[in-house]
C-alpha atoms as a PDB file:
ATOM      1  CA  MET A   1     142.702  57.306 160.694  1.00  0.00           C
ATOM      2  CA  THR A   2     142.513  60.247 157.670  1.00  0.00           C
ATOM      3  CA  THR A   3     141.675  57.315 155.202  1.00  0.00           C
ATOM      4  CA  LEU A   4     138.122  57.009 156.362  1.00  0.00           C
ATOM      5  CA  LYS A   5     136.027  57.714 153.730  1.00  0.00           C
ATOM      6  CA  THR A   6     133.797  60.629 153.738  1.00  0.00           C
ATOM      7  CA  GLN A   7     130.344  59.938 152.224  1.00  0.00           C
ATOM      8  CA  ILE A   8     128.398  63.175 150.709  1.00  0.00           C
ATOM      9  CA  GLU A   9     124.634  62.512 149.400  1.00  0.00           C
ATOM     10  CA  TYR A  10     122.563  65.102 148.188  1.00  0.00           C
ATOM     11  CA  ASP A  11     118.436  64.517 148.731  1.00  0.00           C
ATOM     12  CA  ALA A  12     115.920  66.338 146.904  1.00  0.00           C
ATOM     13  CA  ASN A  13     112.998  65.151 148.709  1.00  0.00           C
ATOM     14  CA  LEU A  14     114.559  66.196 152.161  1.00  0.00           C
ATOM     15  CA  ALA A  15     115.174  69.634 150.687  1.00  0.00           C
ATOM     16  CA  ARG A  16     111.325  69.980 149.387  1.00  0.00           C
ATOM     17  CA  TRP A  17     110.456  69.216 153.339  1.00  0.00           C
ATOM     18  CA  LEU A  18     112.540  71.739 154.433  1.00  0.00           C
ATOM     19  CA  ASN A  19     111.483  74.304 151.975  1.00  0.00           C
ATOM     20  CA  VAL A  20     115.383  74.884 150.942  1.00  0.00           C
ATOM     21  CA  GLN A  21     117.069  75.060 147.728  1.00  0.00           C
ATOM     22  CA  GLU A  22     119.687  72.111 147.950  1.00  0.00           C
ATOM     23  CA  VAL A  23     120.341  69.448 150.903  1.00  0.00           C
ATOM     24  CA  ALA A  24     123.591  67.830 151.274  1.00  0.00           C
ATOM     25  CA  LEU A  25     123.935  65.135 154.126  1.00  0.00           C
ATOM     26  CA  VAL A  26     127.523  64.316 155.782  1.00  0.00           C
ATOM     27  CA  ARG A  27     127.168  60.755 156.712  1.00  0.00           C
ATOM     28  CA  GLU A  28     129.339  59.934 159.271  1.00  0.00           C
ATOM     29  CA  ASP A  29     126.508  57.389 160.678  1.00  0.00           C
ATOM     30  CA  LEU A  30     127.704  54.985 157.514  1.00  0.00           C
ATOM     31  CA  LEU A  31     131.601  54.805 159.169  1.00  0.00           C
ATOM     32  CA  PRO A  32     132.148  51.344 160.086  1.00  0.00           C
ATOM     33  CA  ASN A  33     132.498  49.616 163.822  1.00  0.00           C
ATOM     34  CA  GLY A  34     128.899  51.635 163.881  1.00  0.00           C
ATOM     35  CA  GLY A  35     129.689  54.752 162.536  1.00  0.00           C
ATOM     36  CA  GLY A  36     129.110  57.676 164.295  1.00  0.00           C
ATOM     37  CA  LYS A  37     130.784  61.217 165.159  1.00  0.00           C
ATOM     38  CA  LYS A  38     133.258  60.382 167.191  1.00  0.00           C
ATOM     39  CA  ARG A  39     134.341  57.169 165.243  1.00  0.00           C
ATOM     40  CA  ARG A  40     137.248  58.745 162.976  1.00  0.00           C
ATOM     41  CA  VAL A  41     139.124  60.425 166.351  1.00  0.00           C
ATOM     42  CA  LEU A  42     138.322  57.532 168.127  1.00  0.00           C
ATOM     43  CA  ALA A  43     140.714  56.010 165.919  1.00  0.00           C
ATOM     44  CA  GLN A  44     143.223  57.588 167.105  1.00  0.00           C
ATOM     45  CA  PHE A  45     142.374  57.732 170.421  1.00  0.00           C
ATOM     46  CA  VAL A  46     142.720  53.637 170.565  1.00  0.00           C
ATOM     47  CA  THR A  47     146.528  53.992 169.291  1.00  0.00           C
ATOM     48  CA  GLU A  48     147.419  55.851 171.945  1.00  0.00           C
ATOM     49  CA  LEU A  49     146.543  53.558 174.987  1.00  0.00           C
ATOM     50  CA  GLU A  50     149.060  51.190 176.430  1.00  0.00           C
ATOM     51  CA  ASP A  51     148.808  48.484 178.712  1.00  0.00           C
ATOM     52  CA  VAL A  52     145.095  49.071 179.443  1.00  0.00           C
ATOM     53  CA  LYS A  53     142.577  46.762 179.963  1.00  0.00           C
ATOM     54  CA  HIS A  54     139.779  48.782 181.115  1.00  0.00           C
ATOM     55  CA  ILE A  55     138.639  51.648 180.199  1.00  0.00           C
ATOM     56  CA  HIS A  56     135.978  54.065 182.222  1.00  0.00           C
ATOM     57  CA  LEU A  57     133.172  56.225 181.056  1.00  0.00           C
ATOM     58  CA  LEU A  58     130.862  58.899 182.465  1.00  0.00           C
ATOM     59  CA  SER A  59     128.049  59.654 179.405  1.00  0.00           C
ATOM     60  CA  TYR A  60     124.488  58.877 178.728  1.00  0.00           C
ATOM     61  CA  ALA A  61     122.920  55.243 178.989  1.00  0.00           C
ATOM     62  CA  GLY A  62     123.579  53.618 175.848  1.00  0.00           C
ATOM     63  CA  SER A  63     126.435  56.051 174.862  1.00  0.00           C
ATOM     64  CA  HIS A  64     127.812  55.919 171.050  1.00  0.00           C
ATOM     65  CA  THR A  65     131.563  56.179 172.426  1.00  0.00           C
ATOM     66  CA  ALA A  66     131.304  52.953 174.400  1.00  0.00           C
ATOM     67  CA  TYR A  67     129.658  51.445 171.303  1.00  0.00           C
ATOM     68  CA  THR A  68     131.888  52.367 169.063  1.00  0.00           C
ATOM     69  CA  LEU A  69     135.140  51.348 171.712  1.00  0.00           C
ATOM     70  CA  SER A  70     133.591  47.706 172.109  1.00  0.00           C
ATOM     71  CA  SER A  71     134.277  47.625 168.392  1.00  0.00           C
ATOM     72  CA  LEU A  72     137.522  49.211 168.291  1.00  0.00           C
ATOM     73  CA  LEU A  73     139.113  47.595 171.245  1.00  0.00           C
ATOM     74  CA  PRO A  74     137.062  44.068 171.846  1.00  0.00           C
ATOM     75  CA  GLU A  75     140.001  42.485 173.889  1.00  0.00           C
ATOM     76  CA  VAL A  76     139.524  46.025 176.305  1.00  0.00           C
ATOM     77  CA  MET A  77     136.070  45.994 178.666  1.00  0.00           C
ATOM     78  CA  ILE A  78     134.706  48.950 178.963  1.00  0.00           C
ATOM     79  CA  HIS A  79     132.738  50.173 181.919  1.00  0.00           C
ATOM     80  CA  LEU A  80     130.233  52.847 181.070  1.00  0.00           C
ATOM     81  CA  TYR A  81     128.619  54.553 183.950  1.00  0.00           C
ATOM     82  CA  GLY A  82     125.262  55.317 182.256  1.00  0.00           C
ATOM     83  CA  THR A  83     122.960  58.634 182.700  1.00  0.00           C
ATOM     84  CA  HIS A  84     119.200  58.468 181.975  1.00  0.00           C
ATOM     85  CA  TYR A  85     118.583  61.204 179.935  1.00  0.00           C
ATOM     86  CA  GLY A  86     114.443  60.696 178.884  1.00  0.00           C
ATOM     87  CA  GLY A  87     115.564  58.790 175.729  1.00  0.00           C
ATOM     88  CA  GLY A  88     112.456  56.692 175.668  1.00  0.00           C
ATOM     89  CA  PRO A  89     112.416  54.038 172.598  1.00  0.00           C
ATOM     90  CA  TYR A  90     115.936  55.320 171.720  1.00  0.00           C
ATOM     91  CA  GLU A  91     117.456  55.559 175.076  1.00  0.00           C
ATOM     92  CA  LYS A  92     116.116  51.644 175.533  1.00  0.00           C
ATOM     93  CA  ALA A  93     116.906  50.455 172.625  1.00  0.00           C
ATOM     94  CA  MET A  94     120.800  51.916 172.732  1.00  0.00           C
ATOM     95  CA  THR A  95     121.204  50.540 176.285  1.00  0.00           C
ATOM     96  CA  SER A  96     119.605  47.364 175.141  1.00  0.00           C
ATOM     97  CA  LEU A  97     122.068  46.979 172.569  1.00  0.00           C
ATOM     98  CA  LEU A  98     125.231  47.913 174.908  1.00  0.00           C
ATOM     99  CA  ASP A  99     124.405  45.311 177.147  1.00  0.00           C
ATOM    100  CA  SER A 100     124.374  42.442 174.939  1.00  0.00           C
ATOM    101  CA  ARG A 101     127.928  43.680 174.072  1.00  0.00           C
ATOM    102  CA  GLU A 102     130.338  40.693 175.964  1.00  0.00           C
ATOM    103  CA  ASN A 103     132.908  43.877 176.830  1.00  0.00           C
ATOM    104  CA  ILE A 104     130.543  46.419 177.855  1.00  0.00           C
ATOM    105  CA  ILE A 105     129.723  46.341 181.943  1.00  0.00           C
ATOM    106  CA  GLN A 106     127.155  49.212 181.928  1.00  0.00           C
ATOM    107  CA  LYS A 107     125.551  50.716 185.113  1.00  0.00           C
ATOM    108  CA  VAL A 108     122.492  52.960 184.757  1.00  0.00           C
ATOM    109  CA  SER A 109     121.130  55.649 187.106  1.00  0.00           C
ATOM    110  CA  SER A 110     120.843  59.386 187.594  1.00  0.00           C
ATOM    111  CA  SER A 111     123.412  61.610 186.686  1.00  0.00           C
ATOM    112  CA  TRP A 112     124.250  61.630 190.341  1.00  0.00           C
ATOM    113  CA  THR A 113     124.629  58.493 190.945  1.00  0.00           C
ATOM    114  CA  MET A 114     126.735  58.195 188.063  1.00  0.00           C
ATOM    115  CA  SER A 115     129.015  60.492 189.046  1.00  0.00           C
ATOM    116  CA  LEU A 116     129.680  59.651 192.103  1.00  0.00           C
ATOM    117  CA  ALA A 117     130.101  55.949 190.898  1.00  0.00           C
ATOM    118  CA  PHE A 118     132.714  56.860 188.111  1.00  0.00           C
ATOM    119  CA  ASN A 119     134.599  59.215 190.268  1.00  0.00           C
ATOM    120  CA  ARG A 120     134.634  56.740 193.471  1.00  0.00           C
ATOM    121  CA  GLN A 121     136.408  54.380 190.608  1.00  0.00           C
ATOM    122  CA  ARG A 122     138.801  56.835 189.205  1.00  0.00           C
ATOM    123  CA  ARG A 123     140.190  57.656 192.708  1.00  0.00           C
ATOM    124  CA  LYS A 124     141.246  53.656 193.384  1.00  0.00           C
ATOM    125  CA  SER A 125     144.002  54.720 190.269  1.00  0.00           C
ATOM    126  CA  ARG A 126     144.703  51.212 189.544  1.00  0.00           C
ATOM    127  CA  PRO A 127     147.436  50.326 186.558  1.00  0.00           C
ATOM    128  CA  GLY A 128     145.300  49.168 183.535  1.00  0.00           C
ATOM    129  CA  HIS A 129     142.471  51.547 183.784  1.00  0.00           C
ATOM    130  CA  HIS A 130     142.134  54.562 181.670  1.00  0.00           C
ATOM    131  CA  PHE A 131     139.121  57.291 182.507  1.00  0.00           C
ATOM    132  CA  MET A 132     138.394  59.200 179.716  1.00  0.00           C
ATOM    133  CA  ARG A 133     136.944  63.111 179.928  1.00  0.00           C
ATOM    134  CA  ILE A 134     132.822  63.281 180.919  1.00  0.00           C
ATOM    135  CA  GLY A 135     130.977  62.582 177.920  1.00  0.00           C
ATOM    136  CA  GLY A 136     133.937  60.692 176.231  1.00  0.00           C
ATOM    137  CA  SER A 137     135.036  64.090 174.863  1.00  0.00           C
ATOM    138  CA  LEU A 138     138.492  64.036 173.297  1.00  0.00           C
ATOM    139  CA  GLY A 139     139.336  67.465 172.921  1.00  0.00           C
ATOM    140  CA  ASP A 140     141.272  68.341 169.664  1.00  0.00           C
ATOM    141  CA  ASP A 141     139.709  66.516 166.682  1.00  0.00           C
ATOM    142  CA  VAL A 142     142.224  66.608 163.932  1.00  0.00           C
ATOM    143  CA  PRO A 143     140.465  63.803 161.754  1.00  0.00           C
ATOM    144  CA  THR A 144     136.964  65.159 161.951  1.00  0.00           C
ATOM    145  CA  GLN A 145     138.746  68.951 160.863  1.00  0.00           C
ATOM    146  CA  THR A 146     140.231  66.973 157.525  1.00  0.00           C
ATOM    147  CA  VAL A 147     136.623  65.708 156.928  1.00  0.00           C
ATOM    148  CA  VAL A 148     135.264  69.249 157.330  1.00  0.00           C
ATOM    149  CA  GLU A 149     138.005  70.815 154.992  1.00  0.00           C
ATOM    150  CA  GLU A 150     137.007  67.741 152.554  1.00  0.00           C
ATOM    151  CA  THR A 151     133.524  68.525 152.509  1.00  0.00           C
ATOM    152  CA  ILE A 152     133.797  72.067 151.942  1.00  0.00           C
ATOM    153  CA  ARG A 153     135.825  71.922 149.359  1.00  0.00           C
ATOM    154  CA  THR A 154     132.973  69.038 147.588  1.00  0.00           C
ATOM    155  CA  ILE A 155     130.231  70.766 148.254  1.00  0.00           C
ATOM    156  CA  GLY A 156     131.668  74.562 148.135  1.00  0.00           C
ATOM    157  CA  GLU A 157     131.534  77.367 150.659  1.00  0.00           C
ATOM    158  CA  ASP A 158     127.682  78.596 150.017  1.00  0.00           C
ATOM    159  CA  PHE A 159     126.423  75.469 152.317  1.00  0.00           C
ATOM    160  CA  HIS A 160     125.620  76.488 155.898  1.00  0.00           C
ATOM    161  CA  HIS A 161     126.451  73.579 157.995  1.00  0.00           C
ATOM    162  CA  VAL A 162     123.816  72.317 160.871  1.00  0.00           C
ATOM    163  CA  VAL A 163     125.128  69.986 163.586  1.00  0.00           C
ATOM    164  CA  ALA A 164     123.520  68.633 166.319  1.00  0.00           C
ATOM    165  CA  VAL A 165     125.537  69.608 169.735  1.00  0.00           C
ATOM    166  CA  ALA A 166     126.248  66.953 172.338  1.00  0.00           C
ATOM    167  CA  SER A 167     129.751  67.611 173.508  1.00  0.00           C
ATOM    168  CA  GLY A 168     130.440  70.350 170.819  1.00  0.00           C
ATOM    169  CA  ASP A 169     133.619  69.114 169.517  1.00  0.00           C
ATOM    170  CA  LEU A 170     131.992  68.472 166.039  1.00  0.00           C
ATOM    171  CA  LEU A 171     130.793  72.079 166.030  1.00  0.00           C
ATOM    172  CA  THR A 172     134.174  73.418 167.339  1.00  0.00           C
ATOM    173  CA  SER A 173     135.671  71.553 164.209  1.00  0.00           C
ATOM    174  CA  VAL A 174     133.488  72.783 161.886  1.00  0.00           C
ATOM    175  CA  ALA A 175     133.314  76.437 163.121  1.00  0.00           C
ATOM    176  CA  ARG A 176     137.256  76.411 162.634  1.00  0.00           C
ATOM    177  CA  GLN A 177     136.499  76.553 158.808  1.00  0.00           C
ATOM    178  CA  THR A 178     133.398  78.488 158.644  1.00  0.00           C
ATOM    179  CA  ASN A 179     131.061  80.517 159.644  1.00  0.00           C
ATOM    180  CA  GLN A 180     128.359  79.089 158.684  1.00  0.00           C
ATOM    181  CA  VAL A 181     127.455  76.622 160.886  1.00  0.00           C
ATOM    182  CA  ILE A 182     124.575  76.179 163.761  1.00  0.00           C
ATOM    183  CA  GLY A 183     124.799  73.808 166.615  1.00  0.00           C
ATOM    184  CA  VAL A 184     121.403  72.472 167.725  1.00  0.00           C
ATOM    185  CA  LEU A 185     121.643  72.000 171.031  1.00  0.00           C
ATOM    186  CA  THR A 186     120.626  68.701 172.216  1.00  0.00           C
ATOM    187  CA  GLN A 187     121.301  67.936 175.916  1.00  0.00           C
ATOM    188  CA  PRO A 188     119.274  68.453 179.474  1.00  0.00           C
ATOM    189  CA  LEU A 189     118.442  71.799 179.539  1.00  0.00           C
ATOM    190  CA  GLY A 190     120.463  72.732 182.513  1.00  0.00           C
ATOM    191  CA  ILE A 191     123.530  71.424 179.868  1.00  0.00           C
ATOM    192  CA  ARG A 192     121.997  73.498 177.294  1.00  0.00           C
ATOM    193  CA  ILE A 193     122.141  76.703 178.832  1.00  0.00           C
ATOM    194  CA  ILE A 194     125.881  76.427 179.543  1.00  0.00           C
ATOM    195  CA  LYS A 195     126.644  75.070 176.424  1.00  0.00           C
ATOM    196  CA  TYR A 196     124.455  78.152 174.723  1.00  0.00           C
ATOM    197  CA  PHE A 197     126.812  80.627 176.572  1.00  0.00           C
ATOM    198  CA  SER A 198     130.177  79.320 176.240  1.00  0.00           C
ATOM    199  CA  LEU A 199     129.529  77.798 172.634  1.00  0.00           C
ATOM    200  CA  LYS A 200     129.546  80.183 169.781  1.00  0.00           C
ATOM    201  CA  GLN A 201     127.051  79.156 167.236  1.00  0.00           C
ATOM    202  CA  SER A 202     125.037  77.440 168.988  1.00  0.00           C
ATOM    203  CA  SER A 203     121.412  77.349 168.843  1.00  0.00           C
ATOM    204  CA  GLY A 204     117.648  75.649 170.491  1.00  0.00           C
ATOM    205  CA  ILE A 205     118.136  76.802 173.573  1.00  0.00           C
ATOM    206  CA  TRP A 206     114.293  75.410 173.554  1.00  0.00           C
ATOM    207  CA  LYS A 207     113.658  72.098 172.411  1.00  0.00           C
ATOM    208  CA  SER A 208     111.129  70.129 171.094  1.00  0.00           C
ATOM    209  CA  GLY A 209     109.177  67.378 173.484  1.00  0.00           C
ATOM    210  CA  LEU A 210     110.316  63.530 172.813  1.00  0.00           C
ATOM    211  CA  ASN A 211     106.771  62.972 171.510  1.00  0.00           C
ATOM    212  CA  GLU A 212     107.339  65.490 168.786  1.00  0.00           C
ATOM    213  CA  ARG A 213     111.002  64.555 167.666  1.00  0.00           C
ATOM    214  CA  ILE A 214     109.313  60.679 167.375  1.00  0.00           C
ATOM    215  CA  LYS A 215     107.000  61.957 165.311  1.00  0.00           C
ATOM    216  CA  THR A 216     109.525  64.171 163.100  1.00  0.00           C
ATOM    217  CA  MET A 217     111.692  61.599 162.530  1.00  0.00           C
ATOM    218  CA  LYS A 218     109.092  59.128 161.539  1.00  0.00           C
ATOM    219  CA  ASP A 219     108.490  62.089 158.897  1.00  0.00           C
ATOM    220  CA  VAL A 220     111.931  61.945 157.952  1.00  0.00           C
ATOM    221  CA  ARG A 221     111.795  58.829 157.320  1.00  0.00           C
ATOM    222  CA  GLU A 222     109.357  58.884 155.213  1.00  0.00           C
ATOM    223  CA  VAL A 223     111.012  61.356 153.059  1.00  0.00           C
ATOM    224  CA  THR A 224     114.436  59.901 153.458  1.00  0.00           C
ATOM    225  CA  GLY A 225     113.687  56.190 153.362  1.00  0.00           C
ATOM    226  CA  GLN A 226     116.513  56.390 156.532  1.00  0.00           C
ATOM    227  CA  THR A 227     116.052  55.518 160.293  1.00  0.00           C
ATOM    228  CA  TRP A 228     118.090  58.083 162.871  1.00  0.00           C
ATOM    229  CA  ASP A 229     117.405  58.607 166.289  1.00  0.00           C
ATOM    230  CA  PRO A 230     114.734  60.931 167.759  1.00  0.00           C
ATOM    231  CA  ILE A 231     117.381  62.317 170.367  1.00  0.00           C
ATOM    232  CA  PHE A 232     120.324  64.080 168.545  1.00  0.00           C
ATOM    233  CA  MET A 233     118.823  63.958 164.774  1.00  0.00           C
ATOM    234  CA  GLY A 234     115.187  64.518 166.027  1.00  0.00           C
ATOM    235  CA  THR A 235     116.045  67.271 167.836  1.00  0.00           C
ATOM    236  CA  LEU A 236     118.215  69.045 164.764  1.00  0.00           C
ATOM    237  CA  PHE A 237     115.305  68.180 162.236  1.00  0.00           C
ATOM    238  CA  SER A 238     112.778  69.415 164.642  1.00  0.00           C
ATOM    239  CA  TYR A 239     114.459  72.659 164.986  1.00  0.00           C
ATOM    240  CA  LEU A 240     115.260  73.200 161.368  1.00  0.00           C
ATOM    241  CA  LYS A 241     111.401  72.251 160.951  1.00  0.00           C
ATOM    242  CA  LYS A 242     110.152  75.117 162.824  1.00  0.00           C
ATOM    243  CA  LYS A 243     112.525  77.588 161.775  1.00  0.00           C
ATOM    244  CA  LYS A 244     110.104  80.372 159.034  1.00  0.00           C
ATOM    245  CA  LYS A 245     113.233  81.219 157.595  1.00  0.00           C
ATOM    246  CA  LEU A 246     115.906  78.620 156.646  1.00  0.00           C
ATOM    247  CA  PRO A 247     119.411  79.311 154.551  1.00  0.00           C
ATOM    248  CA  PRO A 248     118.761  78.096 150.640  1.00  0.00           C
ATOM    249  CA  LYS A 249     121.807  75.340 150.754  1.00  0.00           C
ATOM    250  CA  LEU A 250     121.847  73.103 153.996  1.00  0.00           C
ATOM    251  CA  CYS A 251     124.876  70.517 154.781  1.00  0.00           C
ATOM    252  CA  ILE A 252     123.594  68.708 157.442  1.00  0.00           C
ATOM    253  CA  TRP A 253     125.345  66.354 159.753  1.00  0.00           C
ATOM    254  CA  ILE A 254     124.624  62.617 160.326  1.00  0.00           C
ATOM    255  CA  THR A 255     126.355  62.072 163.271  1.00  0.00           C
ATOM    256  CA  CYS A 256     124.734  59.021 165.109  1.00  0.00           C
ATOM    257  CA  PRO A 257     125.163  55.743 164.807  1.00  0.00           C
ATOM    258  CA  ALA A 258     123.799  53.956 161.692  1.00  0.00           C
ATOM    259  CA  GLY A 259     120.772  50.622 161.729  1.00  0.00           C
ATOM    260  CA  ILE A 260     119.449  51.442 165.055  1.00  0.00           C
ATOM    261  CA  ASP A 261     116.092  50.233 165.614  1.00  0.00           C
ATOM    262  CA  TRP A 262     114.146  52.111 168.044  1.00  0.00           C
END
C-alpha cells in the first residue's frame, strides 16, 4: 500500500492562470484502479476484510469509493446506496459508469430514501456482509499521511496545500503535517456548514453554481490539457480563481478518478 508511486507535477500555465508564482500538482487521480484520494487506504482496507462477499456503502451517486472497490475486489458485490447531489453531467457519467460494472448494485434516490434503505439492510446483520461508514470514510489514513510527508519533502515547506473536502479525511491528513493547508468544502450546504465549524482550516462555505464550476473546469482543461471533475475539483478551482490574493506557491491535490468523460 505504501509502494504506490506519488506523482508530483509542476504546471507553469496553471500558475499563470491563477496569478501565482508556482503550482505543484499531486496527481492522486493517476493511481491504478481508477485512482482517487481513497485508493491508497482502500488497498489497506481490503486486506482487512475476511469472508466478506458483500460491501454496503451509503454515499453519493456514482461514488468514487464504490468505483475503486469494484476493481480492487472483483469477486465481491458492492451495494451502493447513492444519493443525488445535483452533479449534472458528471453525476450522470459516474452513475452510468458504475451501472456498467458487473459487481456493483447501485440504487439512486434522495438522501432520506437511501439512508433508510442502507440502515434497513444493516439491521439484518447477515454473515459475509460488511457496512462501511457513511460516505466511505475510513478514519486514520496512514498511507496518505506517508504521501503527505513525501510530498512536503519533495516540494519543500513553503508551498500552501489546497484540497477538496468531502469526508474531510484528506484535509486531516495534510493538516497533521503542516498548517499551510486550505480545505475547500464541496458538499451540499447543510453538510458544508457542519464541516466548516468541525474542521479546522476549511473554507468556501459559499460555492459557485454548477454551471460556473463546469465553465471553470473547461477553462482549466484549456490551460492544462486535463479533464477533471466539476464537482470536487471544480469547486476547488472556482474558489481559487475567485480569491483576490493567494499564497505565491500552491500545492493542489487532484483527488478524483482520472479519465471520466463527463
